[in-house]
Amino acid sequence: MDNWVLENLIGTEHIKYILTGYINNNVAMKYLDYLIKYSRARPDKPWKILLLDGYELHVYKSF
């Protein structure tokens, strides 16, 4: 990982390094789980919106 990334971390970040450089379904699902947990999303809370473009991963059924 380039030094500029490591030098700018403050200690609370989560970084996933992927050898191909491209996101995959597994990483996307882990990100979504993380986003739901740390945005405190729940059925009884105000809704949140996640905006996506037309990338093929965004039509992955589980996502």
N, C-alpha and C. Protein backbone atom coordinates (compact mmCIF):
# COMPACT_ATOMS: atom_id res chain seq x y z
N MET A 1 0.85 -1.17 0.00
CA MET A 1 0.00 0.00 0.00
C MET A 1 0.90 1.23 0.00
N ASP A 2 0.53 2.21 -0.77
CA ASP A 2 1.35 3.42 -0.86
C ASP A 2 1.44 4.12 0.49
N ASN A 3 2.57 4.76 0.71
CA ASN A 3 2.80 5.46 1.98
C ASN A 3 1.80 6.58 2.23
N TRP A 4 1.33 7.27 1.17
CA TRP A 4 0.41 8.38 1.39
C TRP A 4 -0.86 7.91 2.08
N VAL A 5 -1.25 6.67 1.87
CA VAL A 5 -2.44 6.15 2.54
C VAL A 5 -2.15 5.97 4.02
N LEU A 6 -1.07 5.30 4.33
CA LEU A 6 -0.72 5.04 5.73
C LEU A 6 -0.46 6.31 6.51
N GLU A 7 0.12 7.30 5.87
CA GLU A 7 0.44 8.55 6.56
C GLU A 7 -0.79 9.36 6.91
N ASN A 8 -1.90 9.13 6.24
CA ASN A 8 -3.11 9.92 6.45
C ASN A 8 -4.17 9.22 7.29
N LEU A 9 -3.85 8.08 7.85
CA LEU A 9 -4.81 7.37 8.69
C LEU A 9 -4.83 7.99 10.08
N ILE A 10 -6.02 8.01 10.69
CA ILE A 10 -6.12 8.54 12.04
C ILE A 10 -6.35 7.45 13.07
N GLY A 11 -6.55 6.22 12.63
CA GLY A 11 -6.66 5.11 13.56
C GLY A 11 -8.00 4.42 13.62
N THR A 12 -9.02 5.00 13.02
CA THR A 12 -10.35 4.38 13.07
C THR A 12 -10.80 3.82 11.73
N GLU A 13 -9.93 3.86 10.75
CA GLU A 13 -10.28 3.40 9.41
C GLU A 13 -10.22 1.88 9.30
N HIS A 14 -10.97 1.38 8.35
CA HIS A 14 -10.91 -0.04 7.99
C HIS A 14 -10.55 -0.09 6.52
N ILE A 15 -9.46 -0.76 6.21
CA ILE A 15 -9.00 -0.84 4.84
C ILE A 15 -8.96 -2.29 4.40
N LYS A 16 -9.50 -2.55 3.24
CA LYS A 16 -9.46 -3.89 2.65
C LYS A 16 -8.65 -3.79 1.38
N TYR A 17 -7.53 -4.49 1.34
CA TYR A 17 -6.65 -4.50 0.18
C TYR A 17 -7.00 -5.70 -0.68
N ILE A 18 -7.27 -5.46 -1.95
CA ILE A 18 -7.64 -6.53 -2.88
C ILE A 18 -6.56 -6.59 -3.96
N LEU A 19 -5.98 -7.76 -4.15
CA LEU A 19 -4.87 -7.91 -5.09
C LEU A 19 -5.23 -7.46 -6.50
N THR A 20 -6.45 -7.72 -6.94
CA THR A 20 -6.84 -7.35 -8.31
C THR A 20 -7.07 -5.85 -8.45
N GLY A 21 -7.32 -5.18 -7.33
CA GLY A 21 -7.63 -3.76 -7.38
C GLY A 21 -9.09 -3.47 -7.63
N TYR A 22 -9.88 -4.53 -7.80
CA TYR A 22 -11.31 -4.36 -8.08
C TYR A 22 -12.13 -4.94 -6.94
N ILE A 23 -13.24 -4.30 -6.64
CA ILE A 23 -14.13 -4.81 -5.61
C ILE A 23 -14.80 -6.09 -6.13
N ASN A 24 -15.15 -6.97 -5.22
CA ASN A 24 -15.86 -8.19 -5.60
C ASN A 24 -17.08 -8.34 -4.69
N ASN A 25 -17.91 -9.33 -4.97
CA ASN A 25 -19.15 -9.50 -4.21
C ASN A 25 -18.90 -9.69 -2.72
N ASN A 26 -17.88 -10.45 -2.36
CA ASN A 26 -17.58 -10.72 -0.96
C ASN A 26 -17.22 -9.43 -0.22
N VAL A 27 -16.36 -8.64 -0.81
CA VAL A 27 -15.94 -7.38 -0.19
C VAL A 27 -17.12 -6.41 -0.12
N ALA A 28 -17.92 -6.36 -1.16
CA ALA A 28 -19.08 -5.47 -1.18
C ALA A 28 -20.06 -5.82 -0.07
N MET A 29 -20.29 -7.10 0.15
CA MET A 29 -21.21 -7.51 1.21
C MET A 29 -20.66 -7.17 2.59
N LYS A 30 -19.35 -7.33 2.77
CA LYS A 30 -18.73 -6.95 4.05
C LYS A 30 -18.86 -5.45 4.28
N TYR A 31 -18.68 -4.67 3.20
CA TYR A 31 -18.83 -3.22 3.30
C TYR A 31 -20.26 -2.85 3.68
N LEU A 32 -21.21 -3.50 3.05
CA LEU A 32 -22.61 -3.21 3.34
C LEU A 32 -22.95 -3.55 4.79
N ASP A 33 -22.47 -4.67 5.29
CA ASP A 33 -22.67 -5.03 6.70
C ASP A 33 -22.07 -3.97 7.61
N TYR A 34 -20.86 -3.50 7.28
CA TYR A 34 -20.19 -2.47 8.07
C TYR A 34 -21.00 -1.17 8.04
N LEU A 35 -21.45 -0.79 6.85
CA LEU A 35 -22.22 0.44 6.70
C LEU A 35 -23.51 0.39 7.52
N ILE A 36 -24.21 -0.72 7.47
CA ILE A 36 -25.45 -0.86 8.24
C ILE A 36 -25.17 -0.77 9.73
N LYS A 37 -24.13 -1.46 10.19
CA LYS A 37 -23.80 -1.45 11.61
C LYS A 37 -23.43 -0.06 12.11
N TYR A 38 -22.52 0.61 11.41
CA TYR A 38 -21.99 1.87 11.92
C TYR A 38 -22.83 3.08 11.56
N SER A 39 -23.81 2.93 10.68
CA SER A 39 -24.75 4.02 10.43
C SER A 39 -25.96 3.86 11.35
N ARG A 40 -25.92 2.80 12.15
CA ARG A 40 -26.98 2.48 13.11
C ARG A 40 -28.34 2.34 12.41
N ALA A 41 -28.31 1.76 11.23
CA ALA A 41 -29.54 1.54 10.47
C ALA A 41 -30.37 0.45 11.14
N ARG A 42 -31.64 0.75 11.33
CA ARG A 42 -32.58 -0.20 11.92
C ARG A 42 -33.97 0.11 11.39
N PRO A 43 -34.86 -0.87 11.42
CA PRO A 43 -36.22 -0.63 10.91
C PRO A 43 -36.95 0.50 11.64
N ASP A 44 -36.62 0.73 12.92
CA ASP A 44 -37.33 1.75 13.69
C ASP A 44 -36.61 3.11 13.69
N LYS A 45 -35.58 3.26 12.87
CA LYS A 45 -34.82 4.51 12.76
C LYS A 45 -35.15 5.19 11.44
N PRO A 46 -34.83 6.49 11.32
CA PRO A 46 -35.05 7.15 10.02
C PRO A 46 -34.30 6.43 8.91
N TRP A 47 -34.90 6.43 7.73
CA TRP A 47 -34.30 5.75 6.58
C TRP A 47 -33.02 6.44 6.15
N LYS A 48 -32.16 5.66 5.53
CA LYS A 48 -30.94 6.17 4.92
C LYS A 48 -30.96 5.74 3.46
N ILE A 49 -30.27 6.47 2.62
CA ILE A 49 -30.24 6.12 1.21
C ILE A 49 -28.79 5.90 0.77
N LEU A 50 -28.58 4.85 0.03
CA LEU A 50 -27.27 4.53 -0.53
C LEU A 50 -27.39 4.67 -2.04
N LEU A 51 -26.71 5.65 -2.60
CA LEU A 51 -26.79 5.90 -4.03
C LEU A 51 -25.75 5.07 -4.76
N LEU A 52 -26.17 4.41 -5.81
CA LEU A 52 -25.29 3.53 -6.58
C LEU A 52 -25.36 3.89 -8.05
N ASP A 53 -24.28 3.62 -8.76
CA ASP A 53 -24.31 3.80 -10.21
C ASP A 53 -24.71 2.47 -10.86
N GLY A 54 -24.50 2.32 -12.13
CA GLY A 54 -24.96 1.13 -12.84
C GLY A 54 -23.96 -0.01 -12.88
N TYR A 55 -22.96 0.02 -12.01
CA TYR A 55 -21.95 -1.03 -11.99
C TYR A 55 -22.60 -2.39 -11.74
N GLU A 56 -22.10 -3.44 -12.41
CA GLU A 56 -22.73 -4.77 -12.35
C GLU A 56 -22.85 -5.32 -10.93
N LEU A 57 -21.93 -4.99 -10.04
CA LEU A 57 -22.00 -5.47 -8.66
C LEU A 57 -23.27 -4.96 -7.97
N HIS A 58 -23.72 -3.78 -8.35
CA HIS A 58 -24.86 -3.18 -7.69
C HIS A 58 -26.17 -3.87 -8.01
N VAL A 59 -26.14 -4.81 -8.94
CA VAL A 59 -27.33 -5.62 -9.21
C VAL A 59 -27.15 -7.04 -8.69
N TYR A 60 -26.11 -7.28 -7.92
CA TYR A 60 -25.88 -8.56 -7.26
C TYR A 60 -27.05 -8.79 -6.31
N LYS A 61 -27.74 -9.90 -6.46
CA LYS A 61 -29.00 -10.14 -5.74
C LYS A 61 -28.88 -9.95 -4.23
N SER A 62 -27.83 -10.46 -3.62
CA SER A 62 -27.67 -10.34 -2.17
C SER A 62 -27.40 -8.90 -1.73
N PHE A 63 -26.82 -8.10 -2.61
CA PHE A 63 -26.50 -6.72 -2.29
C PHE A 63 -27.77 -5.90 -2.31
